[in-house]
């Protein structure tokens, strides 16, 4: 009898102010959306927030994830809506103005095998094999190796949220008291301006 998938705690991100270069690290885009773990088993998929709550509002996205060619899997990623220029739009996601995509960046479990202690670079190679190459509802988050400064500069020029840096050999677990991943945010990111105030106003309207 196949055992149910284990519950996994998504790795947190430490904050770092300045980008850096290091050949032993991978650098990815930080996408402006909802962090989520996808659990795929018995032909179905569910999206779980970083706080452990199951998202109920993305049924079409869950259907797309369930069609991945896996027996079972746990995939870490971000639920994102893209605007007409291909940039993440948090407002479109929050207010459900566009169809969401799932951007996959890690694979802690695949086909009955716990990959948490497998080096990150190998987990990403396995992830690349199961995510369709054609752009659709499920997409793979690529990376650059070693060149965090250049990637961060490009991110700022494109007005994106920031980057995430991860040791290429890191496991999917916290070693000691420090998580292995760090985020470097674009302090000039314009799409975050006034966001908290907008959400506060929306919350007050819903409470009336």
N, C-alpha and C. Protein backbone atom coordinates (compact mmCIF):
# COMPACT_ATOMS: atom_id res chain seq x y z
N UNK A 1 0.84 -1.19 0.00
CA UNK A 1 0.00 0.00 0.00
C UNK A 1 0.87 1.25 0.00
N UNK A 2 0.55 2.20 -0.90
CA UNK A 2 1.36 3.40 -1.00
C UNK A 2 1.09 4.32 0.18
N UNK A 3 2.15 4.77 0.84
CA UNK A 3 1.97 5.65 1.99
C UNK A 3 1.68 7.07 1.53
N UNK A 4 0.92 7.85 2.34
CA UNK A 4 0.63 9.23 1.95
C UNK A 4 1.89 10.08 1.97
N UNK A 5 1.87 11.17 1.22
CA UNK A 5 3.01 12.06 1.18
C UNK A 5 3.23 12.71 2.55
N UNK A 6 4.48 12.90 2.94
CA UNK A 6 4.75 13.57 4.22
C UNK A 6 4.46 15.06 4.11
N UNK A 7 4.13 15.68 5.23
CA UNK A 7 3.99 17.14 5.28
C UNK A 7 5.38 17.76 5.39
N UNK A 8 5.68 18.69 4.51
CA UNK A 8 7.00 19.31 4.47
C UNK A 8 6.87 20.80 4.78
N UNK A 9 7.78 21.31 5.58
CA UNK A 9 7.80 22.75 5.90
C UNK A 9 8.65 23.45 4.85
N UNK A 10 8.08 24.43 4.13
CA UNK A 10 8.89 25.12 3.11
C UNK A 10 10.05 25.87 3.73
N UNK A 11 11.20 25.83 3.06
CA UNK A 11 12.37 26.52 3.59
C UNK A 11 12.13 28.02 3.63
N UNK A 12 12.43 28.67 4.77
CA UNK A 12 12.30 30.13 4.84
C UNK A 12 13.46 30.82 4.14
N UNK A 13 13.33 32.13 4.00
CA UNK A 13 14.37 32.93 3.35
C UNK A 13 14.93 33.94 4.34
N UNK A 14 16.24 33.98 4.49
CA UNK A 14 16.88 35.05 5.22
C UNK A 14 16.96 36.29 4.33
N UNK A 15 17.03 37.44 4.94
CA UNK A 15 17.12 38.71 4.20
C UNK A 15 18.58 39.15 4.12
N UNK A 16 18.98 39.56 2.94
CA UNK A 16 20.33 40.12 2.74
C UNK A 16 20.19 41.40 1.93
N UNK A 17 20.96 42.40 2.25
CA UNK A 17 20.78 43.71 1.62
C UNK A 17 21.44 43.81 0.25
N UNK A 18 22.61 43.23 0.08
CA UNK A 18 23.38 43.42 -1.15
C UNK A 18 23.56 42.10 -1.90
N UNK A 19 23.52 42.14 -3.23
CA UNK A 19 23.79 40.93 -4.01
C UNK A 19 25.27 40.57 -3.96
N UNK A 20 25.57 39.34 -4.37
CA UNK A 20 26.96 38.88 -4.33
C UNK A 20 27.17 37.85 -5.43
N UNK A 21 28.42 37.60 -5.73
CA UNK A 21 28.82 36.57 -6.68
C UNK A 21 29.48 35.42 -5.92
N UNK A 22 29.15 34.19 -6.30
CA UNK A 22 29.79 33.03 -5.69
C UNK A 22 29.49 31.83 -6.58
N UNK A 23 30.52 31.16 -7.07
CA UNK A 23 30.34 30.04 -7.98
C UNK A 23 29.61 28.87 -7.33
N UNK A 24 29.64 28.81 -6.02
CA UNK A 24 28.97 27.73 -5.32
C UNK A 24 27.49 27.98 -5.06
N UNK A 25 26.97 29.09 -5.58
CA UNK A 25 25.58 29.46 -5.34
C UNK A 25 24.81 29.55 -6.66
N UNK A 26 23.49 29.25 -6.58
CA UNK A 26 22.57 29.47 -7.68
C UNK A 26 21.73 30.70 -7.37
N UNK A 27 21.40 31.45 -8.41
CA UNK A 27 20.61 32.67 -8.25
C UNK A 27 19.39 32.60 -9.15
N UNK A 28 18.22 32.86 -8.56
CA UNK A 28 16.95 32.79 -9.26
C UNK A 28 16.19 34.10 -9.10
N UNK A 29 15.20 34.32 -9.97
CA UNK A 29 14.30 35.45 -9.79
C UNK A 29 13.44 35.22 -8.56
N UNK A 30 13.19 36.28 -7.80
CA UNK A 30 12.19 36.23 -6.74
C UNK A 30 10.87 36.70 -7.36
N UNK A 31 9.90 35.82 -7.39
CA UNK A 31 8.64 36.08 -8.07
C UNK A 31 7.59 36.60 -7.09
N UNK A 32 6.84 37.58 -7.51
CA UNK A 32 5.89 38.27 -6.64
C UNK A 32 4.54 37.55 -6.69
N UNK A 33 4.34 36.61 -5.75
CA UNK A 33 3.10 35.85 -5.75
C UNK A 33 2.87 35.20 -4.40
N UNK A 34 2.20 34.05 -4.41
CA UNK A 34 1.95 33.27 -3.20
C UNK A 34 2.87 32.05 -3.19
N UNK A 35 3.71 31.93 -2.18
CA UNK A 35 4.55 30.73 -2.03
C UNK A 35 3.63 29.54 -1.76
N UNK A 36 3.92 28.42 -2.39
CA UNK A 36 3.06 27.24 -2.21
C UNK A 36 3.84 25.97 -2.45
N UNK A 37 3.51 24.94 -1.69
CA UNK A 37 3.97 23.58 -1.95
C UNK A 37 2.85 22.85 -2.68
N UNK A 38 3.20 22.17 -3.77
CA UNK A 38 2.25 21.33 -4.48
C UNK A 38 2.44 19.89 -4.06
N UNK A 39 1.35 19.25 -3.63
CA UNK A 39 1.34 17.83 -3.30
C UNK A 39 0.55 17.11 -4.38
N UNK A 40 1.20 16.20 -5.10
CA UNK A 40 0.56 15.44 -6.16
C UNK A 40 0.53 13.97 -5.75
N UNK A 41 -0.65 13.40 -5.67
CA UNK A 41 -0.79 11.98 -5.34
C UNK A 41 -2.17 11.50 -5.75
N UNK A 42 -2.23 10.23 -6.15
CA UNK A 42 -3.47 9.59 -6.57
C UNK A 42 -4.20 10.39 -7.66
N UNK A 43 -3.42 10.98 -8.57
CA UNK A 43 -3.99 11.68 -9.71
C UNK A 43 -4.56 13.04 -9.40
N UNK A 44 -4.32 13.56 -8.21
CA UNK A 44 -4.81 14.88 -7.83
C UNK A 44 -3.68 15.74 -7.28
N UNK A 45 -3.88 17.05 -7.32
CA UNK A 45 -2.88 17.98 -6.79
C UNK A 45 -3.56 18.98 -5.87
N UNK A 46 -2.85 19.36 -4.83
CA UNK A 46 -3.33 20.42 -3.96
C UNK A 46 -2.18 21.38 -3.67
N UNK A 47 -2.54 22.64 -3.51
CA UNK A 47 -1.57 23.69 -3.23
C UNK A 47 -1.70 24.11 -1.77
N UNK A 48 -0.58 24.11 -1.05
CA UNK A 48 -0.58 24.41 0.37
C UNK A 48 0.32 25.62 0.63
N UNK A 49 -0.19 26.58 1.37
CA UNK A 49 0.56 27.80 1.65
C UNK A 49 1.72 27.52 2.59
N UNK A 50 2.60 28.50 2.72
CA UNK A 50 3.75 28.32 3.63
C UNK A 50 3.30 28.22 5.08
N UNK A 51 2.06 28.64 5.38
CA UNK A 51 1.53 28.50 6.73
C UNK A 51 0.75 27.20 6.92
N UNK A 52 0.74 26.35 5.89
CA UNK A 52 0.09 25.06 6.02
C UNK A 52 -1.37 25.03 5.66
N UNK A 53 -1.88 26.11 5.07
CA UNK A 53 -3.29 26.17 4.66
C UNK A 53 -3.44 25.78 3.20
N UNK A 54 -4.44 24.97 2.89
CA UNK A 54 -4.68 24.56 1.51
C UNK A 54 -5.41 25.66 0.76
N UNK A 55 -4.86 26.06 -0.40
CA UNK A 55 -5.52 27.04 -1.25
C UNK A 55 -6.74 26.38 -1.91
N UNK A 56 -7.88 27.03 -1.84
CA UNK A 56 -9.11 26.50 -2.43
C UNK A 56 -9.49 27.20 -3.72
N UNK A 57 -8.76 28.25 -4.10
CA UNK A 57 -9.23 29.10 -5.19
C UNK A 57 -8.48 28.91 -6.51
N UNK A 58 -7.70 27.84 -6.64
CA UNK A 58 -6.96 27.63 -7.88
C UNK A 58 -7.24 26.25 -8.47
N UNK A 59 -8.50 25.89 -8.70
CA UNK A 59 -8.80 24.53 -9.18
C UNK A 59 -8.20 24.21 -10.55
N UNK A 60 -8.20 25.18 -11.48
CA UNK A 60 -7.65 24.91 -12.81
C UNK A 60 -6.14 24.71 -12.75
N UNK A 61 -5.48 25.43 -11.86
CA UNK A 61 -4.04 25.26 -11.70
C UNK A 61 -3.73 23.90 -11.08
N UNK A 62 -4.53 23.47 -10.13
CA UNK A 62 -4.34 22.13 -9.55
C UNK A 62 -4.55 21.05 -10.60
N UNK A 63 -5.51 21.25 -11.51
CA UNK A 63 -5.73 20.29 -12.58
C UNK A 63 -4.49 20.18 -13.48
N UNK A 64 -3.88 21.33 -13.79
CA UNK A 64 -2.68 21.33 -14.62
C UNK A 64 -1.52 20.63 -13.92
N UNK A 65 -1.37 20.85 -12.63
CA UNK A 65 -0.29 20.21 -11.87
C UNK A 65 -0.52 18.70 -11.78
N UNK A 66 -1.76 18.30 -11.66
CA UNK A 66 -2.08 16.86 -11.57
C UNK A 66 -1.74 16.12 -12.85
N UNK A 67 -1.62 16.84 -13.96
CA UNK A 67 -1.31 16.20 -15.24
C UNK A 67 0.19 16.00 -15.46
N UNK A 68 1.02 16.48 -14.55
CA UNK A 68 2.46 16.21 -14.68
C UNK A 68 2.71 14.72 -14.65
N UNK A 69 3.71 14.27 -15.38
CA UNK A 69 3.98 12.83 -15.50
C UNK A 69 4.80 12.34 -14.31
N UNK A 70 4.11 12.25 -13.18
CA UNK A 70 4.72 11.75 -11.95
C UNK A 70 3.73 10.81 -11.28
N UNK A 71 4.25 9.90 -10.47
CA UNK A 71 3.38 9.06 -9.65
C UNK A 71 2.93 9.83 -8.42
N UNK A 72 3.89 10.45 -7.76
CA UNK A 72 3.60 11.39 -6.68
C UNK A 72 4.78 12.35 -6.58
N UNK A 73 4.55 13.51 -6.01
CA UNK A 73 5.60 14.52 -5.93
C UNK A 73 5.21 15.61 -4.95
N UNK A 74 6.23 16.27 -4.41
CA UNK A 74 6.06 17.52 -3.68
C UNK A 74 6.96 18.55 -4.38
N UNK A 75 6.37 19.63 -4.83
CA UNK A 75 7.09 20.64 -5.58
C UNK A 75 6.95 21.99 -4.87
N UNK A 76 8.06 22.66 -4.68
CA UNK A 76 8.04 24.00 -4.07
C UNK A 76 8.02 25.03 -5.19
N UNK A 77 7.22 26.07 -5.01
CA UNK A 77 7.16 27.09 -6.05
C UNK A 77 6.33 28.28 -5.65
N UNK A 78 5.92 29.05 -6.63
CA UNK A 78 5.19 30.29 -6.42
C UNK A 78 4.00 30.35 -7.36
N UNK A 79 2.83 30.68 -6.82
CA UNK A 79 1.66 30.94 -7.65
C UNK A 79 1.72 32.40 -8.07
N UNK A 80 1.69 32.63 -9.38
CA UNK A 80 1.94 33.96 -9.93
C UNK A 80 0.97 34.25 -11.06
N UNK A 81 0.55 35.50 -11.17
CA UNK A 81 -0.14 35.99 -12.36
C UNK A 81 0.80 36.89 -13.14
N UNK A 82 0.79 36.79 -14.46
CA UNK A 82 1.65 37.60 -15.31
C UNK A 82 0.83 38.65 -16.03
N UNK A 83 1.40 39.84 -16.19
CA UNK A 83 0.73 40.89 -16.96
C UNK A 83 1.05 40.73 -18.45
N UNK A 84 0.63 41.69 -19.25
CA UNK A 84 0.82 41.59 -20.70
C UNK A 84 2.29 41.62 -21.11
N UNK A 85 3.15 42.15 -20.24
CA UNK A 85 4.59 42.20 -20.52
C UNK A 85 5.33 41.00 -19.94
N UNK A 86 4.60 40.07 -19.33
CA UNK A 86 5.24 38.91 -18.74
C UNK A 86 5.81 39.15 -17.36
N UNK A 87 5.46 40.27 -16.73
CA UNK A 87 5.94 40.57 -15.38
C UNK A 87 4.94 40.06 -14.35
N UNK A 88 5.40 39.57 -13.21
CA UNK A 88 4.46 39.17 -12.16
C UNK A 88 3.61 40.34 -11.69
N UNK A 89 2.33 40.11 -11.52
CA UNK A 89 1.40 41.13 -11.04
C UNK A 89 0.69 40.59 -9.80
N UNK A 90 1.11 41.05 -8.64
CA UNK A 90 0.50 40.57 -7.40
C UNK A 90 -0.96 41.01 -7.30
N UNK A 91 -1.25 42.22 -7.76
CA UNK A 91 -2.63 42.69 -7.71
C UNK A 91 -3.55 41.79 -8.54
N UNK A 92 -3.09 41.39 -9.73
CA UNK A 92 -3.91 40.51 -10.57
C UNK A 92 -4.15 39.17 -9.89
N UNK A 93 -3.15 38.70 -9.14
CA UNK A 93 -3.31 37.45 -8.41
C UNK A 93 -4.26 37.63 -7.22
N UNK A 94 -4.04 38.66 -6.45
CA UNK A 94 -4.82 38.88 -5.24
C UNK A 94 -6.29 39.12 -5.55
N UNK A 95 -6.55 39.89 -6.61
CA UNK A 95 -7.93 40.21 -6.98
C UNK A 95 -8.49 39.27 -8.05
N UNK A 96 -7.72 38.21 -8.40
CA UNK A 96 -8.16 37.18 -9.35
C UNK A 96 -8.56 37.76 -10.70
N UNK A 97 -7.70 38.60 -11.24
CA UNK A 97 -8.00 39.25 -12.51
C UNK A 97 -7.44 38.48 -13.70
N UNK A 98 -6.54 37.53 -13.46
CA UNK A 98 -5.94 36.75 -14.52
C UNK A 98 -5.78 35.30 -14.06
N UNK A 99 -5.58 34.41 -15.02
CA UNK A 99 -5.33 33.01 -14.68
C UNK A 99 -3.92 32.86 -14.10
N UNK A 100 -3.77 32.13 -13.01
CA UNK A 100 -2.45 31.99 -12.39
C UNK A 100 -1.60 30.91 -13.06
N UNK A 101 -0.30 31.02 -12.83
CA UNK A 101 0.67 29.99 -13.21
C UNK A 101 1.37 29.51 -11.94
N UNK A 102 1.94 28.33 -12.02
CA UNK A 102 2.77 27.84 -10.92
C UNK A 102 4.20 27.77 -11.41
N UNK A 103 5.08 28.55 -10.77
CA UNK A 103 6.50 28.57 -11.11
C UNK A 103 7.24 27.67 -10.13
N UNK A 104 7.73 26.55 -10.63
CA UNK A 104 8.34 25.52 -9.79
C UNK A 104 9.84 25.76 -9.67
N UNK A 105 10.36 25.73 -8.43
CA UNK A 105 11.81 25.94 -8.27
C UNK A 105 12.50 24.87 -7.43
N UNK A 106 11.76 23.93 -6.84
CA UNK A 106 12.44 22.87 -6.07
C UNK A 106 11.55 21.63 -6.01
N UNK A 107 12.20 20.50 -5.72
CA UNK A 107 11.53 19.20 -5.77
C UNK A 107 11.96 18.35 -4.59
N UNK A 108 11.34 18.53 -3.41
CA UNK A 108 11.75 17.75 -2.23
C UNK A 108 11.35 16.28 -2.27
N UNK A 109 10.42 15.90 -3.15
CA UNK A 109 9.93 14.51 -3.18
C UNK A 109 9.53 14.15 -4.59
N UNK A 110 9.89 12.93 -5.03
CA UNK A 110 9.48 12.49 -6.37
C UNK A 110 9.35 10.98 -6.40
N UNK A 111 8.17 10.52 -6.82
CA UNK A 111 7.90 9.10 -7.08
C UNK A 111 8.36 8.19 -5.94
N UNK A 112 7.90 8.51 -4.74
CA UNK A 112 8.20 7.68 -3.58
C UNK A 112 9.56 7.91 -2.95
N UNK A 113 10.33 8.85 -3.47
CA UNK A 113 11.69 9.08 -2.97
C UNK A 113 11.80 10.44 -2.31
N UNK A 114 12.33 10.45 -1.08
CA UNK A 114 12.60 11.69 -0.35
C UNK A 114 13.90 12.28 -0.91
N UNK A 115 13.80 13.49 -1.50
CA UNK A 115 14.96 14.15 -2.10
C UNK A 115 15.53 15.26 -1.23
N UNK A 116 15.05 15.39 -0.01
CA UNK A 116 15.45 16.53 0.81
C UNK A 116 16.96 16.60 1.06
N UNK A 117 17.63 15.46 1.11
CA UNK A 117 19.07 15.46 1.35
C UNK A 117 19.89 15.40 0.06
N UNK A 118 19.22 15.39 -1.08
CA UNK A 118 19.91 15.44 -2.37
C UNK A 118 20.32 16.89 -2.63
N UNK A 119 21.53 17.16 -3.14
CA UNK A 119 21.94 18.55 -3.40
C UNK A 119 20.96 19.29 -4.30
N UNK A 120 20.80 20.58 -4.04
CA UNK A 120 19.83 21.40 -4.77
C UNK A 120 19.99 21.29 -6.28
N UNK A 121 21.21 21.34 -6.79
CA UNK A 121 21.41 21.29 -8.23
C UNK A 121 20.84 20.01 -8.83
N UNK A 122 20.98 18.90 -8.13
CA UNK A 122 20.41 17.63 -8.61
C UNK A 122 18.89 17.64 -8.52
N UNK A 123 18.34 18.24 -7.47
CA UNK A 123 16.88 18.34 -7.37
C UNK A 123 16.31 19.18 -8.51
N UNK A 124 17.02 20.24 -8.86
CA UNK A 124 16.54 21.08 -9.95
C UNK A 124 16.63 20.36 -11.30
N UNK A 125 17.64 19.53 -11.48
CA UNK A 125 17.72 18.75 -12.71
C UNK A 125 16.55 17.78 -12.82
N UNK A 126 16.20 17.15 -11.70
CA UNK A 126 15.05 16.26 -11.70
C UNK A 126 13.76 17.03 -11.96
N UNK A 127 13.66 18.22 -11.38
CA UNK A 127 12.48 19.06 -11.60
C UNK A 127 12.36 19.47 -13.06
N UNK A 128 13.48 19.82 -13.67
CA UNK A 128 13.47 20.24 -15.07
C UNK A 128 12.91 19.13 -15.96
N UNK A 129 13.14 17.88 -15.60
CA UNK A 129 12.68 16.76 -16.42
C UNK A 129 11.17 16.56 -16.36
N UNK A 130 10.52 17.01 -15.29
CA UNK A 130 9.08 16.75 -15.16
C UNK A 130 8.22 17.96 -15.52
N UNK A 131 8.81 19.14 -15.62
CA UNK A 131 8.03 20.34 -15.97
C UNK A 131 8.06 20.51 -17.48
N UNK A 132 6.90 20.69 -18.11
CA UNK A 132 6.87 20.84 -19.58
C UNK A 132 7.75 21.98 -20.07
N UNK A 133 8.39 21.76 -21.21
CA UNK A 133 9.24 22.80 -21.80
C UNK A 133 8.41 23.95 -22.36
N UNK A 134 7.22 23.61 -22.86
CA UNK A 134 6.37 24.64 -23.43
C UNK A 134 5.73 25.45 -22.31
N UNK A 135 5.77 26.78 -22.44
CA UNK A 135 5.21 27.65 -21.42
C UNK A 135 3.71 27.40 -21.28
N UNK A 136 3.28 27.16 -20.07
CA UNK A 136 1.87 26.92 -19.81
C UNK A 136 1.55 27.28 -18.38
N UNK A 137 0.61 26.57 -17.78
CA UNK A 137 0.22 26.87 -16.41
C UNK A 137 1.29 26.47 -15.41
N UNK A 138 2.14 25.49 -15.76
CA UNK A 138 3.24 25.06 -14.88
C UNK A 138 4.56 25.38 -15.57
N UNK A 139 5.42 26.11 -14.89
CA UNK A 139 6.67 26.58 -15.48
C UNK A 139 7.84 26.32 -14.54
N UNK A 140 9.00 26.19 -15.12
CA UNK A 140 10.23 25.92 -14.38
C UNK A 140 10.97 27.23 -14.12
N UNK A 141 11.45 27.43 -12.90
CA UNK A 141 12.25 28.61 -12.56
C UNK A 141 13.72 28.28 -12.81
N UNK A 142 14.28 28.91 -13.83
CA UNK A 142 15.68 28.68 -14.17
C UNK A 142 16.58 29.47 -13.22
N UNK A 143 17.88 29.29 -13.38
CA UNK A 143 18.82 29.95 -12.49
C UNK A 143 20.08 30.31 -13.26
N UNK A 144 20.88 31.18 -12.67
CA UNK A 144 22.24 31.42 -13.14
C UNK A 144 23.17 30.99 -12.01
N UNK A 145 24.36 30.59 -12.36
CA UNK A 145 25.31 30.12 -11.35
C UNK A 145 26.42 31.15 -11.15
N UNK A 146 26.58 31.57 -9.91
CA UNK A 146 27.73 32.39 -9.55
C UNK A 146 27.56 33.88 -9.74
N UNK A 147 26.65 34.34 -10.60
CA UNK A 147 26.61 35.75 -11.00
C UNK A 147 25.37 36.45 -10.43
N UNK A 148 25.35 36.57 -9.13
CA UNK A 148 24.22 37.22 -8.47
C UNK A 148 24.16 38.71 -8.70
N UNK A 149 25.31 39.36 -8.81
CA UNK A 149 25.34 40.83 -8.99
C UNK A 149 24.73 41.20 -10.34
N UNK A 150 25.12 40.50 -11.40
CA UNK A 150 24.58 40.80 -12.72
C UNK A 150 23.07 40.54 -12.78
N UNK A 151 22.63 39.43 -12.19
CA UNK A 151 21.21 39.12 -12.21
C UNK A 151 20.42 40.17 -11.43
N UNK A 152 20.94 40.58 -10.29
CA UNK A 152 20.23 41.59 -9.50
C UNK A 152 20.16 42.91 -10.24
N UNK A 153 21.20 43.27 -10.94
CA UNK A 153 21.20 44.52 -11.72
C UNK A 153 20.11 44.45 -12.79
N UNK A 154 20.02 43.32 -13.48
CA UNK A 154 18.99 43.17 -14.51
C UNK A 154 17.59 43.22 -13.90
N UNK A 155 17.42 42.60 -12.74
CA UNK A 155 16.13 42.60 -12.05
C UNK A 155 15.70 44.04 -11.72
N UNK A 156 16.62 44.84 -11.23
CA UNK A 156 16.28 46.22 -10.90
C UNK A 156 15.94 47.03 -12.15
N UNK A 157 16.67 46.80 -13.23
CA UNK A 157 16.38 47.51 -14.47
C UNK A 157 15.00 47.17 -15.02
N UNK A 158 14.55 45.94 -14.77
CA UNK A 158 13.23 45.49 -15.25
C UNK A 158 12.12 45.74 -14.24
N UNK A 159 12.45 46.36 -13.12
CA UNK A 159 11.48 46.63 -12.06
C UNK A 159 10.81 45.34 -11.58
N UNK A 160 11.64 44.33 -11.24
CA UNK A 160 11.17 43.09 -10.65
C UNK A 160 11.48 43.09 -9.16
N UNK A 161 10.93 42.12 -8.43
CA UNK A 161 10.96 42.18 -6.97
C UNK A 161 12.33 41.93 -6.37
N UNK A 162 13.13 41.05 -6.95
CA UNK A 162 14.43 40.75 -6.37
C UNK A 162 14.94 39.41 -6.84
N UNK A 163 15.91 38.86 -6.10
CA UNK A 163 16.47 37.55 -6.42
C UNK A 163 16.54 36.71 -5.16
N UNK A 164 16.70 35.40 -5.36
CA UNK A 164 16.92 34.46 -4.27
C UNK A 164 18.23 33.73 -4.54
N UNK A 165 19.07 33.61 -3.52
CA UNK A 165 20.36 32.95 -3.64
C UNK A 165 20.34 31.66 -2.82
N UNK A 166 20.84 30.57 -3.44
CA UNK A 166 20.79 29.26 -2.80
C UNK A 166 22.11 28.51 -3.05
N UNK A 167 22.72 27.94 -2.02
CA UNK A 167 23.93 27.12 -2.26
C UNK A 167 23.59 25.94 -3.15
N UNK A 168 24.39 25.72 -4.17
CA UNK A 168 24.11 24.66 -5.15
C UNK A 168 24.07 23.27 -4.51
N UNK A 169 24.80 23.09 -3.42
CA UNK A 169 24.86 21.78 -2.78
C UNK A 169 23.93 21.65 -1.58
N UNK A 170 23.07 22.64 -1.37
CA UNK A 170 22.27 22.65 -0.13
C UNK A 170 21.17 21.60 -0.15
N UNK A 171 20.88 21.08 1.04
CA UNK A 171 19.75 20.18 1.25
C UNK A 171 18.49 20.99 1.45
N UNK A 172 17.35 20.31 1.35
CA UNK A 172 16.07 20.99 1.58
C UNK A 172 15.71 20.86 3.06
N UNK A 173 16.51 21.49 3.88
CA UNK A 173 16.25 21.49 5.31
C UNK A 173 17.15 22.53 5.95
N UNK A 174 16.73 22.99 7.12
CA UNK A 174 17.52 23.95 7.87
C UNK A 174 18.61 23.21 8.63
N UNK A 175 19.85 23.62 8.43
CA UNK A 175 20.97 23.03 9.16
C UNK A 175 21.36 23.99 10.28
N UNK A 176 21.19 23.57 11.53
CA UNK A 176 21.42 24.48 12.64
C UNK A 176 20.25 25.44 12.75
N UNK A 177 20.55 26.71 12.96
CA UNK A 177 19.50 27.71 13.14
C UNK A 177 19.29 28.58 11.91
N UNK A 178 20.07 28.36 10.86
CA UNK A 178 20.01 29.26 9.70
C UNK A 178 19.54 28.50 8.46
N UNK A 179 18.48 28.99 7.81
CA UNK A 179 18.08 28.39 6.54
C UNK A 179 19.13 28.68 5.47
N UNK A 180 19.26 27.82 4.47
CA UNK A 180 20.32 27.99 3.49
C UNK A 180 20.03 29.04 2.42
N UNK A 181 18.79 29.48 2.27
CA UNK A 181 18.44 30.40 1.19
C UNK A 181 18.35 31.83 1.69
N UNK A 182 18.72 32.78 0.83
CA UNK A 182 18.62 34.20 1.18
C UNK A 182 17.93 34.94 0.04
N UNK A 183 17.20 36.01 0.40
CA UNK A 183 16.56 36.86 -0.59
C UNK A 183 17.21 38.23 -0.57
N UNK A 184 17.36 38.80 -1.76
CA UNK A 184 17.86 40.16 -1.90
C UNK A 184 16.79 40.92 -2.68
N UNK A 185 16.11 41.85 -2.01
CA UNK A 185 14.96 42.52 -2.60
C UNK A 185 15.36 43.85 -3.24
N UNK A 186 14.68 44.16 -4.33
CA UNK A 186 14.86 45.42 -5.03
C UNK A 186 14.14 46.52 -4.25
N UNK A 187 14.88 47.40 -3.62
CA UNK A 187 14.28 48.43 -2.77
C UNK A 187 13.49 49.45 -3.57
N UNK A 188 13.68 49.49 -4.89
CA UNK A 188 12.97 50.44 -5.74
C UNK A 188 11.80 49.80 -6.49
N UNK A 189 11.41 48.61 -6.10
CA UNK A 189 10.34 47.87 -6.77
C UNK A 189 9.03 48.64 -6.68
N UNK A 190 8.54 49.15 -7.80
CA UNK A 190 7.40 50.07 -7.77
C UNK A 190 6.08 49.37 -7.50
N UNK A 191 5.95 48.09 -7.86
CA UNK A 191 4.66 47.42 -7.71
C UNK A 191 4.30 47.14 -6.25
N UNK A 192 5.26 47.28 -5.36
CA UNK A 192 4.97 47.08 -3.94
C UNK A 192 4.51 48.36 -3.26
N UNK A 193 4.62 49.50 -3.95
CA UNK A 193 4.27 50.78 -3.33
C UNK A 193 2.78 50.84 -3.01
N UNK A 194 2.46 51.16 -1.77
CA UNK A 194 1.07 51.32 -1.36
C UNK A 194 0.31 50.02 -1.22
N UNK A 195 0.96 48.87 -1.33
CA UNK A 195 0.25 47.59 -1.30
C UNK A 195 -0.41 47.34 0.05
N UNK A 196 0.30 47.58 1.11
CA UNK A 196 -0.26 47.32 2.43
C UNK A 196 -1.50 48.18 2.67
N UNK A 197 -1.43 49.45 2.26
CA UNK A 197 -2.57 50.34 2.45
C UNK A 197 -3.77 49.88 1.64
N UNK A 198 -3.55 49.39 0.40
CA UNK A 198 -4.66 48.90 -0.41
C UNK A 198 -5.33 47.70 0.23
N UNK A 199 -4.52 46.79 0.76
CA UNK A 199 -5.07 45.60 1.39
C UNK A 199 -5.82 45.96 2.68
N UNK A 200 -5.33 46.95 3.40
CA UNK A 200 -6.02 47.40 4.59
C UNK A 200 -7.40 47.96 4.24
N UNK A 201 -7.47 48.76 3.17
CA UNK A 201 -8.76 49.31 2.75
C UNK A 201 -9.70 48.20 2.29
N UNK A 202 -9.16 47.23 1.54
CA UNK A 202 -10.00 46.11 1.08
C UNK A 202 -10.52 45.31 2.26
N UNK A 203 -9.69 45.09 3.27
CA UNK A 203 -10.12 44.34 4.45
C UNK A 203 -11.21 45.07 5.20
N UNK A 204 -11.10 46.39 5.28
CA UNK A 204 -12.15 47.16 5.96
C UNK A 204 -13.46 47.10 5.21
N UNK A 205 -13.39 47.12 3.86
CA UNK A 205 -14.63 47.04 3.07
C UNK A 205 -15.31 45.68 3.25
N UNK A 206 -14.51 44.61 3.31
CA UNK A 206 -15.09 43.28 3.49
C UNK A 206 -15.71 43.11 4.88
N UNK A 207 -15.16 43.86 5.85
CA UNK A 207 -15.64 43.72 7.23
C UNK A 207 -16.96 44.48 7.46
N UNK A 208 -17.35 45.33 6.54
CA UNK A 208 -18.58 46.12 6.73
C UNK A 208 -19.83 45.26 6.59
